[in-house]
Amino acid sequence: MSRCWGWLWSGCLIGWLSGGAAAQQPPAKADDNLPDKVSFYKDIRPIFQQHCQGCHQPAKAQGGYVMTSFAELFKKTDRDVAGIVPGQPERSAVYQQITPRDGKPPAMPRDRDPLSPRDVLLVKRWIEQGAADDTPASARAPEVDMDHPPVYILPPVITGLAYSPSGEYLAVTGYHETLLHRIDDKGQTLVARLVGLAERVQSVAFSPDGKWLAAVGGSPGRFGEVQLWDVAKKRLKYSLTVTFDTLYGASWSPDGKLLAFGGGDNSVRAIDVDSGKQVLFQGAHNDWVFGTVFSTKGTHLVSVSRDRSMKLTEVATARLEDNITSITPGALKGGLQSVDRHPTKDELVIGGADGVPKTYQMYRTKARMIGDDFNLIRTFPAMAGRIFAVKYSPDGNRIAAGSSHDGKGEVRIFQAADAKLVATLEGERGPVYALAFRPDGKMIASAGFDGVVRINDPNDGKLMREFVPVPLASAIKTTSK
């Protein structure tokens, strides 16, 4: 059966689903309030989404077992054991792995909290009742995975762009996927479609050595997700479900050991890249966190939020150290959407709802006073509407800012030292949500609401090339200049 369920990931059933002795069954309790008839769609599907699908999906089928398709649930693992045997939970590998045995905790989810006793009992009763599929016809969507990539009638909204450190690849966010393009002086070529579970990929970032590509996003109000892709192999290393809402603003520590991101749950987090374990949590923001960036030495993490603040967090202790921006009411006219750090100095550029790019020093050198905005270095000319993206050029001498106003977008290039306007990028465009300088500084990519990637010369603003980054099923054609 071809079907796409919500794509929740975390606490996956990592490892090999295998057979073995019958699992010890947790005792049923009167207060568990289990339904008489367990529903796959309402009861079981969310459990598998939250705890299992991150590591049992086509992009990363641990143990040779996939759990994102109903039909796949009944197939055998690579140890020749059926995942689900209708009517027989004790012979079902999935049930065996989520229940304690011989006084030991459940094998899965590995390195994470076990499923609640109620969830385990729901799975058991569903299998006992025949493991039926009651998914409504209205909820049966086409399957989307590495073998069945998304089909586009119109270009998707693009919220993230990133050049690889070598400049060979440009990563572009899409629906359920990140697209890798190779761009040179002759044109662009789509070389990989990295399809995951999350419906929305909000931000992409290459590791400093270019070996890994991080993609963060999720499904609003349901889960956030981190994907880590092996760039050379075009293969998923792991996926992690994090919190109950979408993730934004991925950034790498300078040594490539940590990955940070913000969330729609008002949090800032960082994980150890090798293990995927969370090593930093900061919950001091009062609204969605859209951007993060590490200090030059990786000792501190900066975050910007819709709550109109830019905060400084010490990485080693996860301690909130400072509000870099003024905390005086009205000092900032709206929420902040984007932040970037100077390539070699601890100086920051931010943009947000007031349409005014600003640069700040990262560390306070004077005691805070009521009404001050001491860390402010420079205010740049206002742009129409909201600024959704800001970027330093690779040499740090220029700043790019992309905005949205009344359905139209604009990208301006400023001199960082004096805020002088260098160029306004050519090309009719919708709201701009993402920017990326090529590492040599000779090109800048921009994209946003209209789903078209534009490549401009940052020195004079001239349009060099534009293209739709996804294959289209309609008559819309990719254009190139």
Protein backbone atom coordinates (compact mmCIF):
# COMPACT_ATOMS: atom_id res chain seq x y z
CA MET A 1 0.00 0.00 0.00
CA SER A 2 1.30 3.41 -0.91
CA ARG A 3 0.86 5.82 1.90
CA CYS A 4 2.55 8.77 3.55
CA TRP A 5 1.93 9.39 7.23
CA GLY A 6 3.02 12.39 9.28
CA TRP A 7 6.72 12.31 9.56
CA LEU A 8 7.73 12.27 13.22
CA TRP A 9 11.04 11.00 14.22
CA SER A 10 12.82 10.74 17.55
CA GLY A 11 13.66 8.10 19.94
CA CYS A 12 13.83 5.71 17.03
CA LEU A 13 13.81 1.95 17.21
CA ILE A 14 17.50 2.00 16.41
CA GLY A 15 19.23 -1.28 15.93
CA TRP A 16 18.26 -4.73 14.85
CA LEU A 17 14.75 -5.91 15.36
CA SER A 18 15.21 -9.54 16.19
CA GLY A 19 13.45 -12.59 17.55
CA GLY A 20 14.01 -14.23 20.89
CA ALA A 21 12.20 -15.30 23.99
CA ALA A 22 8.68 -14.06 24.53
CA ALA A 23 8.61 -10.60 26.09
CA GLN A 24 7.37 -10.04 29.58
CA GLN A 25 4.03 -8.27 29.30
CA PRO A 26 3.47 -5.17 31.42
CA PRO A 27 0.43 -5.61 33.66
CA ALA A 28 -2.73 -3.92 32.47
CA LYS A 29 -4.12 -1.27 34.78
CA ALA A 30 -7.67 -0.10 35.21
CA ASP A 31 -6.61 3.52 34.93
CA ASP A 32 -4.92 2.94 31.57
CA ASN A 33 -8.33 3.64 30.01
CA LEU A 34 -7.57 1.70 26.84
CA PRO A 35 -10.16 1.82 24.07
CA ASP A 36 -12.15 -1.33 23.45
CA LYS A 37 -11.07 -1.24 19.81
CA VAL A 38 -7.58 0.11 19.26
CA SER A 39 -7.28 2.30 16.17
CA PHE A 40 -4.15 2.12 14.04
CA TYR A 41 -4.69 5.63 12.70
CA LYS A 42 -5.54 7.34 16.00
CA ASP A 43 -3.60 5.26 18.53
CA ILE A 44 -0.75 3.28 16.96
CA ARG A 45 0.39 5.46 14.08
CA PRO A 46 1.38 8.39 16.37
CA ILE A 47 3.43 6.05 18.58
CA PHE A 48 5.37 4.68 15.61
CA GLN A 49 5.83 8.18 14.19
CA GLN A 50 7.24 9.63 17.39
CA HIS A 51 9.45 6.78 18.52
CA CYS A 52 10.28 4.59 15.53
CA GLN A 53 10.15 6.12 12.08
CA GLY A 54 13.27 8.25 12.41
CA CYS A 55 15.45 5.16 12.09
CA HIS A 56 13.06 2.80 10.33
CA GLN A 57 12.40 4.63 7.09
CA PRO A 58 13.62 4.13 3.51
CA ALA A 59 16.47 6.62 3.97
CA LYS A 60 17.76 4.68 6.99
CA ALA A 61 16.21 1.24 7.39
CA GLN A 62 17.84 0.01 10.60
CA GLY A 63 17.72 -3.76 10.82
CA GLY A 64 16.37 -3.85 7.29
CA TYR A 65 12.98 -2.81 8.64
CA VAL A 66 10.80 0.12 7.49
CA MET A 67 7.91 1.49 9.56
CA THR A 68 6.69 4.43 7.47
CA SER A 69 4.37 2.29 5.34
CA PHE A 70 1.60 0.11 6.76
CA ALA A 71 2.41 -2.75 4.40
CA GLU A 72 6.07 -2.71 5.46
CA LEU A 73 5.15 -3.31 9.11
CA PHE A 74 4.36 -6.96 8.37
CA LYS A 75 7.59 -7.73 6.54
CA LYS A 76 10.56 -9.46 8.10
CA THR A 77 13.68 -7.82 9.45
CA ASP A 78 17.10 -8.80 8.16
CA ARG A 79 17.10 -11.43 10.93
CA ASP A 80 14.12 -13.14 9.33
CA VAL A 81 11.63 -12.15 12.04
CA ALA A 82 8.30 -10.56 11.17
CA GLY A 83 7.80 -7.10 12.58
CA ILE A 84 4.08 -7.61 13.16
CA VAL A 85 2.25 -10.95 13.29
CA PRO A 86 -1.51 -10.23 13.45
CA GLY A 87 -3.07 -11.75 16.55
CA GLN A 88 0.27 -12.77 18.04
CA PRO A 89 2.17 -9.98 19.85
CA GLU A 90 4.66 -12.44 21.38
CA ARG A 91 5.81 -13.40 17.87
CA SER A 92 5.96 -9.78 16.67
CA ALA A 93 9.47 -8.31 16.73
CA VAL A 94 8.18 -4.79 17.29
CA TYR A 95 6.36 -5.81 20.48
CA GLN A 96 9.30 -7.89 21.69
CA GLN A 97 11.64 -4.93 21.39
CA ILE A 98 9.49 -2.42 23.30
CA THR A 99 8.81 -4.62 26.35
CA PRO A 100 11.11 -5.47 29.28
CA ARG A 101 12.43 -9.02 29.50
CA ASP A 102 14.33 -10.96 32.15
CA GLY A 103 14.38 -7.95 34.43
CA LYS A 104 16.04 -5.79 31.78
CA PRO A 105 14.57 -2.62 30.28
CA PRO A 106 13.18 -2.67 26.73
CA ALA A 107 15.77 -2.89 23.98
CA MET A 108 14.08 -0.12 22.04
CA PRO A 109 14.05 2.80 21.66
CA ARG A 110 17.80 2.48 22.15
CA ASP A 111 19.46 5.02 24.44
CA ARG A 112 16.12 6.73 25.04
CA ASP A 113 13.25 6.54 27.48
CA PRO A 114 11.08 3.44 27.06
CA LEU A 115 7.57 3.75 25.72
CA SER A 116 4.98 4.39 28.41
CA PRO A 117 3.16 1.31 29.75
CA ARG A 118 -0.02 2.60 28.12
CA ASP A 119 1.65 2.86 24.69
CA VAL A 120 3.03 -0.67 25.02
CA LEU A 121 -0.39 -1.99 25.94
CA LEU A 122 -1.96 -0.18 23.00
CA VAL A 123 0.48 -1.85 20.61
CA LYS A 124 -0.15 -5.23 22.22
CA ARG A 125 -3.95 -4.92 22.03
CA TRP A 126 -3.83 -3.65 18.43
CA ILE A 127 -1.80 -6.71 17.38
CA GLU A 128 -4.11 -9.03 19.37
CA GLN A 129 -7.10 -7.52 17.60
CA GLY A 130 -5.65 -8.33 14.19
CA ALA A 131 -3.43 -5.30 13.45
CA ALA A 132 -5.98 -3.76 11.10
CA ASP A 133 -5.55 -0.54 9.13
CA ASP A 134 -8.36 1.96 9.69
CA THR A 135 -6.70 4.95 8.02
CA PRO A 136 -9.45 7.15 6.52
CA ALA A 137 -9.47 7.47 2.75
CA SER A 138 -9.12 11.24 3.11
CA ALA A 139 -5.83 10.76 4.99
CA ARG A 140 -4.23 8.42 2.48
CA ALA A 141 -1.60 10.57 0.80
CA PRO A 142 0.98 9.47 -1.78
CA GLU A 143 4.09 7.88 -0.33
CA VAL A 144 7.09 10.22 -0.14
CA ASP A 145 10.57 8.79 0.46
CA MET A 146 13.92 8.34 -1.27
CA ASP A 147 12.36 5.86 -3.70
CA HIS A 148 9.28 8.04 -4.22
CA PRO A 149 10.46 11.67 -4.16
CA PRO A 150 7.93 14.52 -4.08
CA VAL A 151 6.13 15.44 -7.28
CA TYR A 152 5.83 19.19 -7.80
CA ILE A 153 3.18 21.00 -9.78
CA LEU A 154 4.51 24.37 -8.63
CA PRO A 155 7.88 25.35 -7.16
CA PRO A 156 7.97 25.05 -3.34
CA VAL A 157 8.62 27.95 -1.01
CA ILE A 158 12.37 27.97 -0.29
CA THR A 159 13.41 28.81 3.26
CA GLY A 160 17.04 27.65 3.28
CA LEU A 161 20.14 27.84 1.08
CA ALA A 162 23.73 26.80 1.80
CA TYR A 163 26.90 26.50 -0.27
CA SER A 164 29.31 23.70 0.55
CA PRO A 165 32.73 24.92 1.77
CA SER A 166 34.28 23.95 -1.57
CA GLY A 167 31.60 25.83 -3.49
CA GLU A 168 30.74 22.68 -5.44
CA TYR A 169 27.21 22.26 -4.10
CA LEU A 170 24.30 24.51 -3.34
CA ALA A 171 21.77 22.94 -0.96
CA VAL A 172 18.16 24.09 -1.41
CA THR A 173 15.23 23.28 0.85
CA GLY A 174 12.10 21.70 -0.62
CA TYR A 175 9.02 19.78 0.47
CA HIS A 176 10.08 16.69 2.42
CA GLU A 177 13.58 17.05 0.96
CA THR A 178 16.81 18.93 0.46
CA LEU A 179 18.04 19.25 -3.11
CA LEU A 180 21.76 19.33 -3.94
CA HIS A 181 22.74 21.28 -7.06
CA ARG A 182 26.16 21.53 -8.63
CA ILE A 183 26.60 25.05 -9.97
CA ASP A 184 29.41 26.27 -12.20
CA ASP A 185 29.93 28.93 -14.84
CA LYS A 186 28.03 26.88 -17.43
CA GLY A 187 24.88 26.17 -15.44
CA GLN A 188 23.47 23.98 -12.69
CA THR A 189 22.82 20.26 -12.32
CA LEU A 190 20.59 18.52 -9.80
CA VAL A 191 22.80 15.79 -8.31
CA ALA A 192 20.80 14.50 -5.33
CA ARG A 193 17.38 14.61 -3.70
CA LEU A 194 17.76 13.95 0.01
CA VAL A 195 14.23 12.94 1.00
CA GLY A 196 13.37 12.63 4.67
CA LEU A 197 10.27 12.45 6.83
CA ALA A 198 9.66 16.06 7.86
CA GLU A 199 7.20 17.88 5.66
CA ARG A 200 9.06 21.16 5.99
CA VAL A 201 12.82 21.60 5.83
CA GLN A 202 13.46 25.09 7.19
CA SER A 203 17.25 25.40 7.33
CA VAL A 204 20.32 23.69 5.90
CA ALA A 205 23.99 24.00 6.86
CA PHE A 206 27.17 22.23 5.73
CA SER A 207 29.74 21.17 8.30
CA PRO A 208 32.99 23.17 8.26
CA ASP A 209 34.79 20.32 6.47
CA GLY A 210 31.95 19.81 4.00
CA LYS A 211 31.45 16.13 4.85
CA TRP A 212 28.01 16.54 6.41
CA LEU A 213 24.85 18.43 5.60
CA ALA A 214 22.46 19.22 8.43
CA ALA A 215 18.81 19.88 7.68
CA VAL A 216 16.32 20.95 10.34
CA GLY A 217 12.57 21.40 10.13
CA GLY A 218 9.56 19.33 11.07
CA SER A 219 5.80 19.43 10.99
CA PRO A 220 4.22 22.40 12.78
CA GLY A 221 2.59 21.58 16.09
CA ARG A 222 3.64 17.91 15.88
CA PHE A 223 7.42 17.50 15.90
CA GLY A 224 10.78 18.98 15.03
CA GLU A 225 13.45 17.02 13.21
CA VAL A 226 17.20 17.04 12.67
CA GLN A 227 18.62 15.19 9.66
CA LEU A 228 22.34 14.59 9.15
CA TRP A 229 23.36 13.56 5.63
CA ASP A 230 26.64 12.14 4.37
CA VAL A 231 27.36 14.45 1.43
CA ALA A 232 29.67 12.11 -0.51
CA LYS A 233 27.39 9.08 -0.17
CA LYS A 234 24.13 11.08 -0.35
CA ARG A 235 22.94 8.96 2.55
CA LEU A 236 21.24 9.71 5.86
CA LYS A 237 23.46 9.19 8.90
CA TYR A 238 20.66 9.73 11.40
CA SER A 239 17.48 11.62 12.11
CA LEU A 240 16.33 12.89 15.48
CA THR A 241 12.92 13.98 16.66
CA VAL A 242 13.25 17.01 18.89
CA THR A 243 10.34 18.63 20.77
CA PHE A 244 6.79 19.09 19.47
CA ASP A 245 7.26 21.85 16.91
CA THR A 246 9.34 22.90 13.93
CA LEU A 247 13.09 23.62 14.17
CA TYR A 248 14.89 26.57 12.57
CA GLY A 249 18.30 28.18 12.11
CA ALA A 250 20.85 25.35 12.01
CA SER A 251 24.49 26.27 12.68
CA TRP A 252 27.73 24.34 13.24
CA SER A 253 30.38 24.99 15.86
CA PRO A 254 33.73 26.00 14.30
CA ASP A 255 35.25 22.60 15.11
CA GLY A 256 32.31 20.76 13.56
CA LYS A 257 31.51 18.85 16.75
CA LEU A 258 28.23 20.55 17.68
CA LEU A 259 25.09 21.47 15.78
CA ALA A 260 22.75 24.15 17.14
CA PHE A 261 19.23 25.15 16.19
CA GLY A 262 16.20 27.03 17.47
CA GLY A 263 12.63 25.86 17.82
CA GLY A 264 9.00 26.79 17.64
CA ASP A 265 8.84 25.75 21.31
CA ASN A 266 10.92 28.87 22.18
CA SER A 267 14.03 26.79 22.84
CA VAL A 268 17.68 26.81 21.76
CA ARG A 269 19.42 23.45 21.61
CA ALA A 270 22.71 21.92 20.53
CA ILE A 271 23.57 18.29 19.91
CA ASP A 272 26.82 16.37 19.79
CA VAL A 273 27.11 15.52 16.10
CA ASP A 274 28.76 12.11 16.55
CA SER A 275 26.21 10.73 19.01
CA GLY A 276 23.19 12.90 18.31
CA LYS A 277 22.79 13.52 22.05
CA GLN A 278 21.60 16.89 23.28
CA VAL A 279 24.36 18.82 25.06
CA LEU A 280 22.77 22.26 25.41
CA PHE A 281 19.30 23.53 26.21
CA GLN A 282 18.38 27.16 26.72
CA GLY A 283 14.77 28.11 27.36
CA ALA A 284 15.11 31.83 28.06
CA HIS A 285 13.36 33.05 24.91
CA ASN A 286 9.68 33.93 25.02
CA ASP A 287 8.86 33.17 21.39
CA TRP A 288 10.04 31.15 18.40
CA VAL A 289 13.80 31.04 17.89
CA PHE A 290 14.65 31.52 14.21
CA GLY A 291 18.44 31.74 14.09
CA THR A 292 21.61 30.56 15.84
CA VAL A 293 25.34 31.08 15.35
CA PHE A 294 28.45 30.13 17.36
CA SER A 295 31.24 32.48 18.40
CA THR A 296 34.56 32.25 16.57
CA LYS A 297 36.00 29.98 19.27
CA GLY A 298 32.79 28.00 19.77
CA THR A 299 32.54 28.95 23.44
CA HIS A 300 29.26 30.83 23.07
CA LEU A 301 26.05 30.50 21.10
CA VAL A 302 23.96 33.42 19.85
CA SER A 303 20.23 33.09 19.19
CA VAL A 304 17.59 35.43 17.78
CA SER A 305 13.87 35.18 18.33
CA ARG A 306 10.48 36.55 17.49
CA ASP A 307 10.53 37.86 21.08
CA ARG A 308 12.69 40.81 19.89
CA SER A 309 15.89 39.68 21.56
CA MET A 310 19.34 38.36 20.68
CA LYS A 311 20.75 36.25 23.50
CA LEU A 312 24.23 35.00 24.35
CA THR A 313 24.58 31.52 25.89
CA GLU A 314 27.74 29.93 27.25
CA VAL A 315 28.07 26.54 25.56
CA ALA A 316 29.87 24.61 28.30
CA THR A 317 27.30 25.45 30.99
CA ALA A 318 24.21 26.30 28.88
CA ARG A 319 24.01 29.45 31.02
CA LEU A 320 22.32 32.53 29.60
CA GLU A 321 25.05 35.15 29.78
CA ASP A 322 23.60 38.27 28.23
CA ASN A 323 20.96 39.96 26.13
CA ILE A 324 23.15 41.35 23.36
CA THR A 325 20.43 43.67 22.10
CA SER A 326 18.77 46.29 24.29
CA ILE A 327 16.08 45.03 26.65
CA THR A 328 14.43 48.44 26.79
CA PRO A 329 10.82 48.24 25.55
CA GLY A 330 10.57 49.68 22.05
CA ALA A 331 14.31 49.56 21.32
CA LEU A 332 13.61 46.83 18.77
CA LYS A 333 10.48 47.41 16.73
CA GLY A 334 9.73 43.76 16.05
CA GLY A 335 10.90 40.18 16.18
CA LEU A 336 14.25 39.03 14.83
CA GLN A 337 14.34 36.56 11.93
CA SER A 338 18.01 36.04 11.09
CA VAL A 339 21.54 36.32 12.43
CA ASP A 340 25.03 35.77 11.01
CA ARG A 341 28.52 36.17 12.41
CA HIS A 342 31.51 37.88 10.80
CA PRO A 343 33.83 35.18 9.37
CA THR A 344 36.77 36.12 11.60
CA LYS A 345 35.43 38.39 14.35
CA ASP A 346 32.78 38.12 17.04
CA GLU A 347 30.57 40.68 15.38
CA LEU A 348 26.99 39.96 14.36
CA VAL A 349 24.45 41.15 11.84
CA ILE A 350 20.73 40.77 12.49
CA GLY A 351 17.53 41.46 10.61
CA GLY A 352 13.87 41.31 11.47
CA ALA A 353 10.43 42.84 11.44
CA ASP A 354 11.56 46.47 11.49
CA GLY A 355 13.39 46.10 8.16
CA VAL A 356 16.63 47.58 9.51
CA PRO A 357 19.85 45.53 9.37
CA LYS A 358 22.09 46.13 12.37
CA THR A 359 25.51 44.96 13.48
CA TYR A 360 26.44 44.23 17.09
CA GLN A 361 29.50 43.25 19.04
CA MET A 362 28.96 39.87 20.67
CA TYR A 363 30.47 40.58 24.10
CA ARG A 364 29.54 43.42 26.42
CA THR A 365 32.45 45.55 27.64
CA LYS A 366 30.40 47.96 29.72
CA ALA A 367 27.86 47.39 32.47
CA ARG A 368 24.28 47.38 31.26
CA MET A 369 22.34 50.59 31.83
CA ILE A 370 18.62 51.12 31.55
CA GLY A 371 17.82 52.38 28.08
CA ASP A 372 21.17 51.55 26.50
CA ASP A 373 21.94 49.56 23.36
CA PHE A 374 25.66 49.53 24.04
CA ASN A 375 26.59 46.53 21.87
CA LEU A 376 25.15 48.14 18.74
CA ILE A 377 27.89 48.89 16.19
CA ARG A 378 26.01 50.17 13.17
CA THR A 379 22.50 50.70 11.82
CA PHE A 380 21.99 50.22 8.09
CA PRO A 381 19.46 51.90 5.78
CA ALA A 382 15.95 50.58 6.26
CA MET A 383 14.46 48.20 3.72
CA ALA A 384 10.78 47.86 2.86
CA GLY A 385 8.94 45.27 4.93
CA ARG A 386 10.57 42.53 7.01
CA ILE A 387 14.11 41.21 6.71
CA PHE A 388 14.12 37.41 6.68
CA ALA A 389 17.77 36.73 5.82
CA VAL A 390 21.16 38.36 6.48
CA LYS A 391 24.63 37.15 5.50
CA TYR A 392 28.22 38.32 5.74
CA SER A 393 30.33 37.89 2.63
CA PRO A 394 33.16 35.33 2.99
CA ASP A 395 35.71 38.12 3.55
CA GLY A 396 33.42 39.91 6.01
CA ASN A 397 33.58 43.20 4.09
CA ARG A 398 29.98 43.16 2.91
CA ILE A 399 26.55 42.32 4.25
CA ALA A 400 23.56 41.04 2.28
CA ALA A 401 19.98 41.43 3.47
CA GLY A 402 16.83 39.97 1.93
CA SER A 403 13.36 41.32 2.64
CA SER A 404 9.65 40.93 1.93
CA HIS A 405 7.01 43.63 1.44
CA ASP A 406 3.55 43.39 -0.12
CA GLY A 407 4.33 40.18 -1.95
CA LYS A 408 7.63 41.39 -3.39
CA GLY A 409 11.19 40.84 -2.29
CA GLU A 410 14.50 42.65 -2.45
CA VAL A 411 18.15 41.87 -1.76
CA ARG A 412 20.65 44.62 -1.00
CA ILE A 413 24.41 44.46 -0.56
CA PHE A 414 26.00 46.90 1.92
CA GLN A 415 29.56 47.67 2.94
CA ALA A 416 29.96 46.37 6.46
CA ALA A 417 32.32 49.14 7.53
CA ASP A 418 30.12 52.14 6.74
CA ALA A 419 26.66 50.81 5.69
CA LYS A 420 27.07 52.21 2.19
CA LEU A 421 24.82 50.57 -0.41
CA VAL A 422 26.88 48.55 -2.89
CA ALA A 423 24.16 47.02 -5.05
CA THR A 424 20.53 45.97 -5.24
CA LEU A 425 20.23 42.59 -6.89
CA GLU A 426 18.56 42.45 -10.29
CA GLY A 427 15.60 40.20 -11.03
CA GLU A 428 11.89 40.30 -10.28
CA ARG A 429 11.36 38.21 -7.18
CA GLY A 430 8.86 37.39 -4.49
CA PRO A 431 9.58 37.62 -0.76
CA VAL A 432 13.16 36.57 0.00
CA TYR A 433 13.68 34.06 2.82
CA ALA A 434 17.20 32.68 2.18
CA LEU A 435 20.64 33.90 1.11
CA ALA A 436 24.01 32.21 0.56
CA PHE A 437 27.34 33.59 -0.62
CA ARG A 438 29.53 31.25 -2.64
CA PRO A 439 32.75 30.68 -0.65
CA ASP A 440 34.83 32.68 -3.15
CA GLY A 441 32.46 35.63 -2.76
CA LYS A 442 31.84 35.95 -6.50
CA MET A 443 28.21 34.84 -6.42
CA ILE A 444 25.27 35.18 -4.08
CA ALA A 445 22.22 32.92 -4.19
CA SER A 446 18.79 34.08 -3.07
CA ALA A 447 15.39 32.38 -2.92
CA GLY A 448 12.04 32.55 -1.22
CA PHE A 449 8.32 32.51 -1.82
CA ASP A 450 8.29 32.10 -5.60
CA GLY A 451 10.49 28.98 -5.46
CA VAL A 452 13.11 30.27 -7.88
CA VAL A 453 16.83 30.34 -7.04
CA ARG A 454 18.61 33.40 -8.41
CA ILE A 455 22.37 33.76 -8.72
CA ASN A 456 23.67 37.33 -8.81
CA ASP A 457 27.00 39.09 -8.89
CA PRO A 458 27.28 40.74 -5.44
CA ASN A 459 29.57 43.47 -6.81
CA ASP A 460 27.14 45.03 -9.26
CA GLY A 461 23.91 43.13 -8.57
CA LYS A 462 23.60 41.73 -12.09
CA LEU A 463 21.53 38.58 -12.51
CA MET A 464 23.75 35.73 -13.69
CA ARG A 465 21.30 32.83 -13.61
CA GLU A 466 17.92 31.79 -12.26
CA PHE A 467 16.34 28.35 -12.06
CA VAL A 468 13.59 26.30 -10.44
CA PRO A 469 15.49 23.82 -8.23
CA VAL A 470 12.90 21.02 -8.35
CA PRO A 471 11.59 18.88 -11.23
CA LEU A 472 8.14 20.11 -12.23
CA ALA A 473 5.31 17.96 -13.47
CA SER A 474 3.57 20.95 -15.05
CA ALA A 475 4.47 22.97 -18.13
CA ILE A 476 6.57 25.35 -16.03
CA LYS A 477 10.14 25.20 -17.28
CA THR A 478 13.44 25.89 -15.61
CA THR A 479 14.93 29.10 -16.94
CA SER A 480 18.60 29.97 -17.19
CA LYS A 481 20.47 33.10 -18.11
